[in-house]
């Protein structure tokens, strides 16, 4: 095998294995999330476990909801086939979202963890 072919093979393997992620990775750890107790954990406890949220929203009854997200994207096999890439998505994406709602007194009222099925990102 020539040096050029070896380099090409290694480059393709590295690109295929490439993965990009962003957000609060701690929400993917069931052990961390299970330490948040409804009616007992406080804003300070949640901040210690997960950090500050990416966004927050406020309800009519004085509730505050913190929203955490973790997104992972990895190229699919079609990302490396020029003709196929034009008509199919080139990235597989996984989203995980955690919403933590607090009562007026600052204790956790509820937790909601969503992990929608893998959805391909639009190519473009």
PDB file of N, CA and C in Angstrom:
ATOM      1  N   UNK A   1       0.853  -1.175   0.000  1.00  0.00           N
ATOM      2  CA  UNK A   1       0.000   0.000   0.000  1.00  0.00           C
ATOM      3  C   UNK A   1       0.899   1.239   0.000  1.00  0.00           C
ATOM      4  N   UNK A   2       0.571   2.171  -0.855  1.00  0.00           N
ATOM      5  CA  UNK A   2       1.372   3.384  -0.934  1.00  0.00           C
ATOM      6  C   UNK A   2       1.076   4.294   0.254  1.00  0.00           C
ATOM      7  N   UNK A   3       1.990   5.213   0.503  1.00  0.00           N
ATOM      8  CA  UNK A   3       1.810   6.155   1.612  1.00  0.00           C
ATOM      9  C   UNK A   3       0.554   6.994   1.411  1.00  0.00           C
ATOM     10  N   UNK A   4       0.271   7.387   0.164  1.00  0.00           N
ATOM     11  CA  UNK A   4      -0.912   8.195  -0.144  1.00  0.00           C
ATOM     12  C   UNK A   4      -2.190   7.441   0.191  1.00  0.00           C
ATOM     13  N   UNK A   5      -2.258   6.167  -0.165  1.00  0.00           N
ATOM     14  CA  UNK A   5      -3.442   5.366   0.100  1.00  0.00           C
ATOM     15  C   UNK A   5      -3.626   5.139   1.606  1.00  0.00           C
ATOM     16  N   UNK A   6      -2.525   4.924   2.322  1.00  0.00           N
ATOM     17  CA  UNK A   6      -2.602   4.779   3.779  1.00  0.00           C
ATOM     18  C   UNK A   6      -3.132   6.057   4.422  1.00  0.00           C
ATOM     19  N   UNK A   7      -2.624   7.200   3.983  1.00  0.00           N
ATOM     20  CA  UNK A   7      -3.073   8.482   4.517  1.00  0.00           C
ATOM     21  C   UNK A   7      -4.548   8.710   4.224  1.00  0.00           C
ATOM     22  N   UNK A   8      -4.967   8.398   3.016  1.00  0.00           N
ATOM     23  CA  UNK A   8      -6.371   8.546   2.637  1.00  0.00           C
ATOM     24  C   UNK A   8      -7.255   7.648   3.506  1.00  0.00           C
ATOM     25  N   UNK A   9      -6.846   6.412   3.706  1.00  0.00           N
ATOM     26  CA  UNK A   9      -7.621   5.468   4.514  1.00  0.00           C
ATOM     27  C   UNK A   9      -7.745   5.962   5.955  1.00  0.00           C
ATOM     28  N   UNK A  10      -6.653   6.407   6.535  1.00  0.00           N
ATOM     29  CA  UNK A  10      -6.677   6.915   7.901  1.00  0.00           C
ATOM     30  C   UNK A  10      -7.557   8.162   7.999  1.00  0.00           C
ATOM     31  N   UNK A  11      -7.460   9.049   7.030  1.00  0.00           N
ATOM     32  CA  UNK A  11      -8.275  10.272   7.031  1.00  0.00           C
ATOM     33  C   UNK A  11      -9.756   9.957   6.980  1.00  0.00           C
ATOM     34  N   UNK A  12     -10.139   9.028   6.105  1.00  0.00           N
ATOM     35  CA  UNK A  12     -11.559   8.651   5.986  1.00  0.00           C
ATOM     36  C   UNK A  12     -12.038   8.017   7.286  1.00  0.00           C
ATOM     37  N   UNK A  13     -11.247   7.148   7.876  1.00  0.00           N
ATOM     38  CA  UNK A  13     -11.648   6.524   9.141  1.00  0.00           C
ATOM     39  C   UNK A  13     -11.813   7.547  10.255  1.00  0.00           C
ATOM     40  N   UNK A  14     -10.945   8.534  10.308  1.00  0.00           N
ATOM     41  CA  UNK A  14     -11.070   9.586  11.319  1.00  0.00           C
ATOM     42  C   UNK A  14     -12.313  10.424  11.093  1.00  0.00           C
ATOM     43  N   UNK A  15     -12.611  10.747   9.842  1.00  0.00           N
ATOM     44  CA  UNK A  15     -13.803  11.553   9.547  1.00  0.00           C
ATOM     45  C   UNK A  15     -15.078  10.787   9.890  1.00  0.00           C
ATOM     46  N   UNK A  16     -15.106   9.507   9.594  1.00  0.00           N
ATOM     47  CA  UNK A  16     -16.294   8.707   9.875  1.00  0.00           C
ATOM     48  C   UNK A  16     -16.529   8.614  11.375  1.00  0.00           C
ATOM     49  N   UNK A  17     -15.462   8.527  12.146  1.00  0.00           N
ATOM     50  CA  UNK A  17     -15.614   8.382  13.585  1.00  0.00           C
ATOM     51  C   UNK A  17     -15.814   9.714  14.306  1.00  0.00           C
ATOM     52  N   UNK A  18     -15.732  10.824  13.593  1.00  0.00           N
ATOM     53  CA  UNK A  18     -15.869  12.145  14.212  1.00  0.00           C
ATOM     54  C   UNK A  18     -17.262  12.321  14.796  1.00  0.00           C
ATOM     55  N   UNK A  19     -17.307  12.923  15.958  1.00  0.00           N
ATOM     56  CA  UNK A  19     -18.570  13.158  16.635  1.00  0.00           C
ATOM     57  C   UNK A  19     -18.468  14.515  17.320  1.00  0.00           C
ATOM     58  N   UNK A  20     -19.534  15.285  17.248  1.00  0.00           N
ATOM     59  CA  UNK A  20     -19.559  16.607  17.857  1.00  0.00           C
ATOM     60  C   UNK A  20     -20.684  16.638  18.875  1.00  0.00           C
ATOM     61  N   UNK A  21     -20.426  17.224  20.037  1.00  0.00           N
ATOM     62  CA  UNK A  21     -21.471  17.331  21.048  1.00  0.00           C
ATOM     63  C   UNK A  21     -21.408  18.701  21.706  1.00  0.00           C
ATOM     64  N   UNK A  22     -22.558  19.118  22.240  1.00  0.00           N
ATOM     65  CA  UNK A  22     -22.643  20.412  22.913  1.00  0.00           C
ATOM     66  C   UNK A  22     -23.744  20.355  23.957  1.00  0.00           C
ATOM     67  N   UNK A  23     -23.572  21.116  25.014  1.00  0.00           N
ATOM     68  CA  UNK A  23     -24.594  21.204  26.049  1.00  0.00           C
ATOM     69  C   UNK A  23     -24.106  20.668  27.379  1.00  0.00           C
ATOM     70  N   UNK A  24     -25.051  20.264  28.207  1.00  0.00           N
ATOM     71  CA  UNK A  24     -24.769  19.779  29.555  1.00  0.00           C
ATOM     72  C   UNK A  24     -24.727  18.263  29.544  1.00  0.00           C
ATOM     73  N   UNK A  25     -23.535  17.699  29.451  1.00  0.00           N
ATOM     74  CA  UNK A  25     -23.382  16.244  29.350  1.00  0.00           C
ATOM     75  C   UNK A  25     -23.897  15.527  30.592  1.00  0.00           C
ATOM     76  N   UNK A  26     -23.884  16.174  31.731  1.00  0.00           N
ATOM     77  CA  UNK A  26     -24.321  15.537  32.984  1.00  0.00           C
ATOM     78  C   UNK A  26     -25.748  15.012  32.904  1.00  0.00           C
ATOM     79  N   UNK A  27     -26.593  15.580  32.039  1.00  0.00           N
ATOM     80  CA  UNK A  27     -27.980  15.097  31.956  1.00  0.00           C
ATOM     81  C   UNK A  27     -28.069  13.732  31.287  1.00  0.00           C
ATOM     82  N   UNK A  28     -26.972  13.247  30.705  1.00  0.00           N
ATOM     83  CA  UNK A  28     -26.963  11.906  30.117  1.00  0.00           C
ATOM     84  C   UNK A  28     -26.591  10.848  31.147  1.00  0.00           C
ATOM     85  N   UNK A  29     -26.189  11.270  32.331  1.00  0.00           N
ATOM     86  CA  UNK A  29     -25.788  10.357  33.396  1.00  0.00           C
ATOM     87  C   UNK A  29     -26.968  10.141  34.343  1.00  0.00           C
ATOM     88  N   UNK A  30     -27.554   8.952  34.278  1.00  0.00           N
ATOM     89  CA  UNK A  30     -28.729   8.654  35.108  1.00  0.00           C
ATOM     90  C   UNK A  30     -28.417   8.789  36.592  1.00  0.00           C
ATOM     91  N   UNK A  31     -27.191   8.499  36.987  1.00  0.00           N
ATOM     92  CA  UNK A  31     -26.804   8.623  38.391  1.00  0.00           C
ATOM     93  C   UNK A  31     -26.853  10.054  38.878  1.00  0.00           C
ATOM     94  N   UNK A  32     -26.478  10.990  38.021  1.00  0.00           N
ATOM     95  CA  UNK A  32     -26.505  12.409  38.387  1.00  0.00           C
ATOM     96  C   UNK A  32     -27.950  12.890  38.455  1.00  0.00           C
ATOM     97  N   UNK A  33     -28.731  12.587  37.424  1.00  0.00           N
ATOM     98  CA  UNK A  33     -30.124  13.051  37.380  1.00  0.00           C
ATOM     99  C   UNK A  33     -30.938  12.457  38.525  1.00  0.00           C
ATOM    100  N   UNK A  34     -30.668  11.197  38.890  1.00  0.00           N
ATOM    101  CA  UNK A  34     -31.435  10.549  39.970  1.00  0.00           C
ATOM    102  C   UNK A  34     -31.158  11.177  41.335  1.00  0.00           C
ATOM    103  N   UNK A  35     -30.086  11.955  41.451  1.00  0.00           N
ATOM    104  CA  UNK A  35     -29.780  12.627  42.723  1.00  0.00           C
ATOM    105  C   UNK A  35     -30.640  13.872  42.927  1.00  0.00           C
ATOM    106  N   UNK A  36     -31.379  14.281  41.897  1.00  0.00           N
ATOM    107  CA  UNK A  36     -32.299  15.423  42.029  1.00  0.00           C
ATOM    108  C   UNK A  36     -33.631  14.878  42.538  1.00  0.00           C
ATOM    109  N   UNK A  37     -34.004  15.283  43.746  1.00  0.00           N
ATOM    110  CA  UNK A  37     -35.206  14.753  44.381  1.00  0.00           C
ATOM    111  C   UNK A  37     -36.331  15.785  44.403  1.00  0.00           C
ATOM    112  N   UNK A  38     -37.489  15.368  43.896  1.00  0.00           N
ATOM    113  CA  UNK A  38     -38.669  16.229  43.901  1.00  0.00           C
ATOM    114  C   UNK A  38     -39.055  16.519  45.345  1.00  0.00           C
ATOM    115  N   UNK A  39     -39.317  17.790  45.635  1.00  0.00           N
ATOM    116  CA  UNK A  39     -39.725  18.209  46.967  1.00  0.00           C
ATOM    117  C   UNK A  39     -38.580  18.406  47.943  1.00  0.00           C
ATOM    118  N   UNK A  40     -37.387  18.023  47.575  1.00  0.00           N
ATOM    119  CA  UNK A  40     -36.262  18.104  48.499  1.00  0.00           C
ATOM    120  C   UNK A  40     -35.096  18.921  47.933  1.00  0.00           C
ATOM    121  N   UNK A  41     -34.682  18.631  46.691  1.00  0.00           N
ATOM    122  CA  UNK A  41     -33.541  19.336  46.094  1.00  0.00           C
ATOM    123  C   UNK A  41     -33.891  20.798  45.844  1.00  0.00           C
ATOM    124  N   UNK A  42     -32.873  21.645  45.929  1.00  0.00           N
ATOM    125  CA  UNK A  42     -33.055  23.086  45.750  1.00  0.00           C
ATOM    126  C   UNK A  42     -32.346  23.552  44.478  1.00  0.00           C
ATOM    127  N   UNK A  43     -32.522  24.834  44.165  1.00  0.00           N
ATOM    128  CA  UNK A  43     -31.812  25.413  43.016  1.00  0.00           C
ATOM    129  C   UNK A  43     -30.300  25.230  43.171  1.00  0.00           C
ATOM    130  N   UNK A  44     -29.806  25.436  44.391  1.00  0.00           N
ATOM    131  CA  UNK A  44     -28.368  25.286  44.650  1.00  0.00           C
ATOM    132  C   UNK A  44     -27.917  23.851  44.398  1.00  0.00           C
ATOM    133  N   UNK A  45     -28.736  22.869  44.804  1.00  0.00           N
ATOM    134  CA  UNK A  45     -28.396  21.459  44.584  1.00  0.00           C
ATOM    135  C   UNK A  45     -28.307  21.160  43.083  1.00  0.00           C
ATOM    136  N   UNK A  46     -29.289  21.646  42.335  1.00  0.00           N
ATOM    137  CA  UNK A  46     -29.321  21.399  40.886  1.00  0.00           C
ATOM    138  C   UNK A  46     -28.141  22.092  40.210  1.00  0.00           C
ATOM    139  N   UNK A  47     -27.830  23.299  40.639  1.00  0.00           N
ATOM    140  CA  UNK A  47     -26.691  24.022  40.073  1.00  0.00           C
ATOM    141  C   UNK A  47     -25.388  23.265  40.340  1.00  0.00           C
ATOM    142  N   UNK A  48     -25.262  22.691  41.522  1.00  0.00           N
ATOM    143  CA  UNK A  48     -24.067  21.920  41.857  1.00  0.00           C
ATOM    144  C   UNK A  48     -23.933  20.694  40.957  1.00  0.00           C
ATOM    145  N   UNK A  49     -25.054  20.020  40.700  1.00  0.00           N
ATOM    146  CA  UNK A  49     -25.023  18.802  39.886  1.00  0.00           C
ATOM    147  C   UNK A  49     -24.895  19.076  38.387  1.00  0.00           C
ATOM    148  N   UNK A  50     -25.612  20.090  37.891  1.00  0.00           N
ATOM    149  CA  UNK A  50     -25.707  20.301  36.446  1.00  0.00           C
ATOM    150  C   UNK A  50     -25.135  21.619  35.943  1.00  0.00           C
ATOM    151  N   UNK A  51     -24.846  22.531  36.843  1.00  0.00           N
ATOM    152  CA  UNK A  51     -24.432  23.863  36.413  1.00  0.00           C
ATOM    153  C   UNK A  51     -25.664  24.716  36.137  1.00  0.00           C
ATOM    154  N   UNK A  52     -25.435  25.883  35.568  1.00  0.00           N
ATOM    155  CA  UNK A  52     -26.552  26.768  35.263  1.00  0.00           C
ATOM    156  C   UNK A  52     -27.227  26.326  33.976  1.00  0.00           C
ATOM    157  N   UNK A  53     -28.540  26.540  33.853  1.00  0.00           N
ATOM    158  CA  UNK A  53     -29.260  26.086  32.663  1.00  0.00           C
ATOM    159  C   UNK A  53     -28.949  26.943  31.442  1.00  0.00           C
ATOM    160  N   UNK A  54     -29.271  26.387  30.284  1.00  0.00           N
ATOM    161  CA  UNK A  54     -29.083  27.124  29.033  1.00  0.00           C
ATOM    162  C   UNK A  54     -30.190  28.183  28.882  1.00  0.00           C
ATOM    163  N   UNK A  55     -31.392  27.863  29.353  1.00  0.00           N
ATOM    164  CA  UNK A  55     -32.505  28.821  29.350  1.00  0.00           C
ATOM    165  C   UNK A  55     -33.380  28.565  30.580  1.00  0.00           C
ATOM    166  N   UNK A  56     -34.242  29.523  30.862  1.00  0.00           N
ATOM    167  CA  UNK A  56     -35.205  29.382  31.950  1.00  0.00           C
ATOM    168  C   UNK A  56     -36.524  29.996  31.500  1.00  0.00           C
ATOM    169  N   UNK A  57     -37.613  29.483  32.058  1.00  0.00           N
ATOM    170  CA  UNK A  57     -38.924  30.057  31.768  1.00  0.00           C
ATOM    171  C   UNK A  57     -39.686  30.170  33.089  1.00  0.00           C
ATOM    172  N   UNK A  58     -40.715  30.992  33.082  1.00  0.00           N
ATOM    173  CA  UNK A  58     -41.442  31.292  34.314  1.00  0.00           C
ATOM    174  C   UNK A  58     -42.933  31.090  34.108  1.00  0.00           C
ATOM    175  N   UNK A  59     -43.593  30.423  35.089  1.00  0.00           N
ATOM    176  CA  UNK A  59     -45.025  30.156  35.011  1.00  0.00           C
ATOM    177  C   UNK A  59     -45.838  31.188  35.751  1.00  0.00           C
ATOM    178  N   UNK A  60     -47.149  31.110  35.563  1.00  0.00           N
ATOM    179  CA  UNK A  60     -48.085  32.052  36.181  1.00  0.00           C
ATOM    180  C   UNK A  60     -48.165  31.893  37.701  1.00  0.00           C
ATOM    181  N   UNK A  61     -47.874  30.714  38.204  1.00  0.00           N
ATOM    182  CA  UNK A  61     -47.984  30.444  39.639  1.00  0.00           C
ATOM    183  C   UNK A  61     -46.666  30.656  40.377  1.00  0.00           C
ATOM    184  N   UNK A  62     -45.713  31.326  39.741  1.00  0.00           N
ATOM    185  CA  UNK A  62     -44.435  31.600  40.376  1.00  0.00           C
ATOM    186  C   UNK A  62     -43.392  30.513  40.192  1.00  0.00           C
ATOM    187  N   UNK A  63     -43.717  29.488  39.365  1.00  0.00           N
ATOM    188  CA  UNK A  63     -42.742  28.432  39.117  1.00  0.00           C
ATOM    189  C   UNK A  63     -41.661  28.932  38.167  1.00  0.00           C
ATOM    190  N   UNK A  64     -40.492  28.370  38.334  1.00  0.00           N
ATOM    191  CA  UNK A  64     -39.370  28.659  37.448  1.00  0.00           C
ATOM    192  C   UNK A  64     -38.905  27.319  36.890  1.00  0.00           C
ATOM    193  N   UNK A  65     -38.734  27.238  35.572  1.00  0.00           N
ATOM    194  CA  UNK A  65     -38.275  26.000  34.939  1.00  0.00           C
ATOM    195  C   UNK A  65     -36.943  26.239  34.263  1.00  0.00           C
ATOM    196  N   UNK A  66     -35.977  25.395  34.624  1.00  0.00           N
ATOM    197  CA  UNK A  66     -34.659  25.454  34.006  1.00  0.00           C
ATOM    198  C   UNK A  66     -34.590  24.388  32.934  1.00  0.00           C
ATOM    199  N   UNK A  67     -34.025  24.764  31.785  1.00  0.00           N
ATOM    200  CA  UNK A  67     -33.949  23.859  30.640  1.00  0.00           C
ATOM    201  C   UNK A  67     -32.484  23.554  30.315  1.00  0.00           C
ATOM    202  N   UNK A  68     -32.177  22.261  30.290  1.00  0.00           N
ATOM    203  CA  UNK A  68     -30.841  21.783  29.935  1.00  0.00           C
ATOM    204  C   UNK A  68     -30.955  20.956  28.659  1.00  0.00           C
ATOM    205  N   UNK A  69     -29.938  21.024  27.813  1.00  0.00           N
ATOM    206  CA  UNK A  69     -29.922  20.275  26.561  1.00  0.00           C
ATOM    207  C   UNK A  69     -28.541  19.684  26.329  1.00  0.00           C
ATOM    208  N   UNK A  70     -28.519  18.507  25.723  1.00  0.00           N
ATOM    209  CA  UNK A  70     -27.259  17.904  25.275  1.00  0.00           C
ATOM    210  C   UNK A  70     -27.507  17.330  23.884  1.00  0.00           C
ATOM    211  N   UNK A  71     -26.719  17.763  22.926  1.00  0.00           N
ATOM    212  CA  UNK A  71     -26.877  17.356  21.530  1.00  0.00           C
ATOM    213  C   UNK A  71     -25.593  16.681  21.061  1.00  0.00           C
ATOM    214  N   UNK A  72     -25.756  15.555  20.383  1.00  0.00           N
ATOM    215  CA  UNK A  72     -24.624  14.847  19.790  1.00  0.00           C
ATOM    216  C   UNK A  72     -24.919  14.656  18.310  1.00  0.00           C
ATOM    217  N   UNK A  73     -23.951  14.983  17.463  1.00  0.00           N
ATOM    218  CA  UNK A  73     -24.105  14.795  16.019  1.00  0.00           C
ATOM    219  C   UNK A  73     -22.900  14.024  15.498  1.00  0.00           C
ATOM    220  N   UNK A  74     -23.174  13.059  14.649  1.00  0.00           N
ATOM    221  CA  UNK A  74     -22.112  12.257  14.052  1.00  0.00           C
ATOM    222  C   UNK A  74     -22.433  12.063  12.575  1.00  0.00           C
ATOM    223  N   UNK A  75     -21.421  12.067  11.730  1.00  0.00           N
ATOM    224  CA  UNK A  75     -21.673  11.868  10.306  1.00  0.00           C
ATOM    225  C   UNK A  75     -22.168  10.447  10.027  1.00  0.00           C
ATOM    226  N   UNK A  76     -23.075  10.349   9.073  1.00  0.00           N
ATOM    227  CA  UNK A  76     -23.534   9.038   8.621  1.00  0.00           C
ATOM    228  C   UNK A  76     -22.681   8.620   7.432  1.00  0.00           C
ATOM    229  N   UNK A  77     -22.811   7.391   7.026  1.00  0.00           N
ATOM    230  CA  UNK A  77     -22.021   6.892   5.900  1.00  0.00           C
ATOM    231  C   UNK A  77     -22.285   7.697   4.628  1.00  0.00           C
ATOM    232  N   UNK A  78     -23.502   8.202   4.473  1.00  0.00           N
ATOM    233  CA  UNK A  78     -23.838   8.955   3.256  1.00  0.00           C
ATOM    234  C   UNK A  78     -23.136  10.304   3.189  1.00  0.00           C
ATOM    235  N   UNK A  79     -22.576  10.755   4.289  1.00  0.00           N
ATOM    236  CA  UNK A  79     -21.877  12.039   4.305  1.00  0.00           C
ATOM    237  C   UNK A  79     -20.648  12.037   3.410  1.00  0.00           C
ATOM    238  N   UNK A  80     -20.182  10.862   3.053  1.00  0.00           N
ATOM    239  CA  UNK A  80     -18.943  10.763   2.286  1.00  0.00           C
ATOM    240  C   UNK A  80     -19.167  10.300   0.845  1.00  0.00           C
ATOM    241  N   UNK A  81     -20.425  10.241   0.434  1.00  0.00           N
ATOM    242  CA  UNK A  81     -20.747   9.874  -0.946  1.00  0.00           C
ATOM    243  C   UNK A  81     -21.400  11.089  -1.591  1.00  0.00           C
ATOM    244  N   UNK A  82     -20.658  11.830  -2.439  1.00  0.00           N
ATOM    245  CA  UNK A  82     -21.150  13.115  -2.965  1.00  0.00           C
ATOM    246  C   UNK A  82     -22.539  13.080  -3.591  1.00  0.00           C
ATOM    247  N   UNK A  83     -22.842  12.123  -4.436  1.00  0.00           N
ATOM    248  CA  UNK A  83     -24.148  12.089  -5.101  1.00  0.00           C
ATOM    249  C   UNK A  83     -25.259  11.794  -4.103  1.00  0.00           C
ATOM    250  N   UNK A  84     -25.025  10.857  -3.197  1.00  0.00           N
ATOM    251  CA  UNK A  84     -26.033  10.491  -2.200  1.00  0.00           C
ATOM    252  C   UNK A  84     -26.220  11.622  -1.196  1.00  0.00           C
ATOM    253  N   UNK A  85     -25.140  12.290  -0.807  1.00  0.00           N
ATOM    254  CA  UNK A  85     -25.198  13.373   0.175  1.00  0.00           C
ATOM    255  C   UNK A  85     -26.136  14.489  -0.271  1.00  0.00           C
ATOM    256  N   UNK A  86     -26.244  14.689  -1.570  1.00  0.00           N
ATOM    257  CA  UNK A  86     -27.092  15.760  -2.097  1.00  0.00           C
ATOM    258  C   UNK A  86     -28.569  15.527  -1.808  1.00  0.00           C
ATOM    259  N   UNK A  87     -28.979  14.269  -1.620  1.00  0.00           N
ATOM    260  CA  UNK A  87     -30.407  13.985  -1.451  1.00  0.00           C
ATOM    261  C   UNK A  87     -30.763  13.379  -0.094  1.00  0.00           C
ATOM    262  N   UNK A  88     -29.761  13.081   0.748  1.00  0.00           N
ATOM    263  CA  UNK A  88     -30.045  12.515   2.071  1.00  0.00           C
ATOM    264  C   UNK A  88     -29.283  13.278   3.143  1.00  0.00           C
ATOM    265  N   UNK A  89     -29.761  13.239   4.368  1.00  0.00           N
ATOM    266  CA  UNK A  89     -29.054  13.919   5.457  1.00  0.00           C
ATOM    267  C   UNK A  89     -27.673  13.302   5.677  1.00  0.00           C
ATOM    268  N   UNK A  90     -26.722  14.129   6.070  1.00  0.00           N
ATOM    269  CA  UNK A  90     -25.359  13.640   6.265  1.00  0.00           C
ATOM    270  C   UNK A  90     -24.972  13.518   7.738  1.00  0.00           C
ATOM    271  N   UNK A  91     -25.828  13.989   8.638  1.00  0.00           N
ATOM    272  CA  UNK A  91     -25.530  13.899  10.069  1.00  0.00           C
ATOM    273  C   UNK A  91     -26.678  13.217  10.802  1.00  0.00           C
ATOM    274  N   UNK A  92     -26.330  12.325  11.707  1.00  0.00           N
ATOM    275  CA  UNK A  92     -27.320  11.759  12.611  1.00  0.00           C
ATOM    276  C   UNK A  92     -27.218  12.542  13.913  1.00  0.00           C
ATOM    277  N   UNK A  93     -28.330  12.986  14.444  1.00  0.00           N
ATOM    278  CA  UNK A  93     -28.314  13.852  15.622  1.00  0.00           C
ATOM    279  C   UNK A  93     -29.161  13.248  16.727  1.00  0.00           C
ATOM    280  N   UNK A  94     -28.648  13.305  17.949  1.00  0.00           N
ATOM    281  CA  UNK A  94     -29.398  12.858  19.115  1.00  0.00           C
ATOM    282  C   UNK A  94     -29.508  14.025  20.086  1.00  0.00           C
ATOM    283  N   UNK A  95     -30.730  14.309  20.519  1.00  0.00           N
ATOM    284  CA  UNK A  95     -30.976  15.394  21.472  1.00  0.00           C
ATOM    285  C   UNK A  95     -31.494  14.808  22.776  1.00  0.00           C
ATOM    286  N   UNK A  96     -31.025  15.338  23.870  1.00  0.00           N
ATOM    287  CA  UNK A  96     -31.566  14.977  25.176  1.00  0.00           C
ATOM    288  C   UNK A  96     -31.867  16.287  25.881  1.00  0.00           C
ATOM    289  N   UNK A  97     -33.054  16.367  26.475  1.00  0.00           N
ATOM    290  CA  UNK A  97     -33.474  17.594  27.145  1.00  0.00           C
ATOM    291  C   UNK A  97     -33.966  17.271  28.549  1.00  0.00           C
ATOM    292  N   UNK A  98     -33.591  18.111  29.495  1.00  0.00           N
ATOM    293  CA  UNK A  98     -34.050  17.971  30.868  1.00  0.00           C
ATOM    294  C   UNK A  98     -34.637  19.299  31.311  1.00  0.00           C
ATOM    295  N   UNK A  99     -35.858  19.246  31.825  1.00  0.00           N
ATOM    296  CA  UNK A  99     -36.497  20.435  32.390  1.00  0.00           C
ATOM    297  C   UNK A  99     -36.695  20.195  33.880  1.00  0.00           C
ATOM    298  N   UNK A 100     -36.251  21.157  34.674  1.00  0.00           N
ATOM    299  CA  UNK A 100     -36.399  21.079  36.130  1.00  0.00           C
ATOM    300  C   UNK A 100     -37.247  22.271  36.559  1.00  0.00           C
ATOM    301  N   UNK A 101     -38.416  21.984  37.125  1.00  0.00           N
ATOM    302  CA  UNK A 101     -39.320  23.044  37.563  1.00  0.00           C
ATOM    303  C   UNK A 101     -39.233  23.192  39.074  1.00  0.00           C
ATOM    304  N   UNK A 102     -39.110  24.454  39.527  1.00  0.00           N
ATOM    305  CA  UNK A 102     -38.994  24.765  40.951  1.00  0.00           C
ATOM    306  C   UNK A 102     -40.267  25.446  41.445  1.00  0.00           C
ATOM    307  N   UNK A 103     -40.653  25.147  42.693  1.00  0.00           N
ATOM    308  CA  UNK A 103     -41.734  25.856  43.377  1.00  0.00           C
ATOM    309  C   UNK A 103     -41.251  27.251  43.742  1.00  0.00           C
ATOM    310  N   UNK A 104     -42.158  28.060  44.231  1.00  0.00           N
ATOM    311  CA  UNK A 104     -41.784  29.406  44.695  1.00  0.00           C
ATOM    312  C   UNK A 104     -40.727  29.371  45.791  1.00  0.00           C
ATOM    313  N   UNK A 105     -40.756  28.314  46.611  1.00  0.00           N
ATOM    314  CA  UNK A 105     -39.791  28.223  47.714  1.00  0.00           C
ATOM    315  C   UNK A 105     -38.411  27.731  47.261  1.00  0.00           C
ATOM    316  N   UNK A 106     -38.260  27.446  45.974  1.00  0.00           N
ATOM    317  CA  UNK A 106     -36.961  27.054  45.441  1.00  0.00           C
ATOM    318  C   UNK A 106     -36.664  25.569  45.451  1.00  0.00           C
ATOM    319  N   UNK A 107     -37.658  24.747  45.859  1.00  0.00           N
ATOM    320  CA  UNK A 107     -37.448  23.296  45.806  1.00  0.00           C
ATOM    321  C   UNK A 107     -37.966  22.750  44.481  1.00  0.00           C
ATOM    322  N   UNK A 108     -37.428  21.595  44.088  1.00  0.00           N
ATOM    323  CA  UNK A 108     -37.818  20.982  42.814  1.00  0.00           C
ATOM    324  C   UNK A 108     -39.266  20.513  42.882  1.00  0.00           C
ATOM    325  N   UNK A 109     -40.056  20.970  41.940  1.00  0.00           N
ATOM    326  CA  UNK A 109     -41.460  20.568  41.831  1.00  0.00           C
ATOM    327  C   UNK A 109     -41.594  19.359  40.911  1.00  0.00           C
ATOM    328  N   UNK A 110     -40.833  19.360  39.797  1.00  0.00           N
ATOM    329  CA  UNK A 110     -40.899  18.244  38.856  1.00  0.00           C
ATOM    330  C   UNK A 110     -39.668  18.207  37.961  1.00  0.00           C
ATOM    331  N   UNK A 111     -39.438  17.026  37.390  1.00  0.00           N
ATOM    332  CA  UNK A 111     -38.356  16.792  36.423  1.00  0.00           C
ATOM    333  C   UNK A 111     -38.979  16.180  35.179  1.00  0.00           C
ATOM    334  N   UNK A 112     -38.491  16.576  34.039  1.00  0.00           N
ATOM    335  CA  UNK A 112     -38.959  15.964  32.796  1.00  0.00           C
ATOM    336  C   UNK A 112     -37.749  15.750  31.890  1.00  0.00           C
ATOM    337  N   UNK A 113     -37.465  14.479  31.605  1.00  0.00           N
ATOM    338  CA  UNK A 113     -36.336  14.124  30.745  1.00  0.00           C
ATOM    339  C   UNK A 113     -36.879  13.598  29.427  1.00  0.00           C
ATOM    340  N   UNK A 114     -36.461  14.219  28.339  1.00  0.00           N
ATOM    341  CA  UNK A 114     -36.891  13.796  27.003  1.00  0.00           C
ATOM    342  C   UNK A 114     -35.688  13.437  26.171  1.00  0.00           C
ATOM    343  N   UNK A 115     -35.765  12.298  25.520  1.00  0.00           N
ATOM    344  CA  UNK A 115     -34.750  11.921  24.548  1.00  0.00           C
ATOM    345  C   UNK A 115     -35.489  11.441  23.314  1.00  0.00           C
ATOM    346  N   UNK A 116     -35.804  12.386  22.412  1.00  0.00           N
ATOM    347  CA  UNK A 116     -36.491  11.997  21.189  1.00  0.00           C
ATOM    348  C   UNK A 116     -35.644  11.023  20.385  1.00  0.00           C
ATOM    349  N   UNK A 117     -36.274  10.239  19.513  1.00  0.00           N
ATOM    350  CA  UNK A 117     -35.502   9.311  18.687  1.00  0.00           C
ATOM    351  C   UNK A 117     -34.515  10.081  17.808  1.00  0.00           C
ATOM    352  N   UNK A 118     -33.466   9.380  17.361  1.00  0.00           N
ATOM    353  CA  UNK A 118     -32.481  10.018  16.503  1.00  0.00           C
ATOM    354  C   UNK A 118     -33.175  10.624  15.294  1.00  0.00           C
ATOM    355  N   UNK A 119     -32.817  11.855  15.011  1.00  0.00           N
ATOM    356  CA  UNK A 119     -33.402  12.523  13.857  1.00  0.00           C
ATOM    357  C   UNK A 119     -32.272  13.085  13.005  1.00  0.00           C
ATOM    358  N   UNK A 120     -32.297  12.797  11.717  1.00  0.00           N
ATOM    359  CA  UNK A 120     -31.248  13.312  10.859  1.00  0.00           C
ATOM    360  C   UNK A 120     -31.358  14.822  10.706  1.00  0.00           C
ATOM    361  N   UNK A 121     -30.227  15.475  10.715  1.00  0.00           N
ATOM    362  CA  UNK A 121     -30.194  16.911  10.511  1.00  0.00           C
ATOM    363  C   UNK A 121     -30.287  17.200   9.021  1.00  0.00           C
ATOM    364  N   UNK A 122     -30.913  18.313   8.636  1.00  0.00           N
ATOM    365  CA  UNK A 122     -31.004  18.615   7.221  1.00  0.00           C
ATOM    366  C   UNK A 122     -29.609  18.892   6.644  1.00  0.00           C
ATOM    367  N   UNK A 123     -29.379  18.387   5.452  1.00  0.00           N
ATOM    368  CA  UNK A 123     -28.101  18.641   4.809  1.00  0.00           C
ATOM    369  C   UNK A 123     -28.233  19.882   3.939  1.00  0.00           C
ATOM    370  N   UNK A 124     -27.149  20.504   3.706  1.00  0.00           N
ATOM    371  CA  UNK A 124     -27.290  21.697   2.903  1.00  0.00           C
ATOM    372  C   UNK A 124     -26.032  22.266   2.474  1.00  0.00           C
TER     373      UNK A 124
END
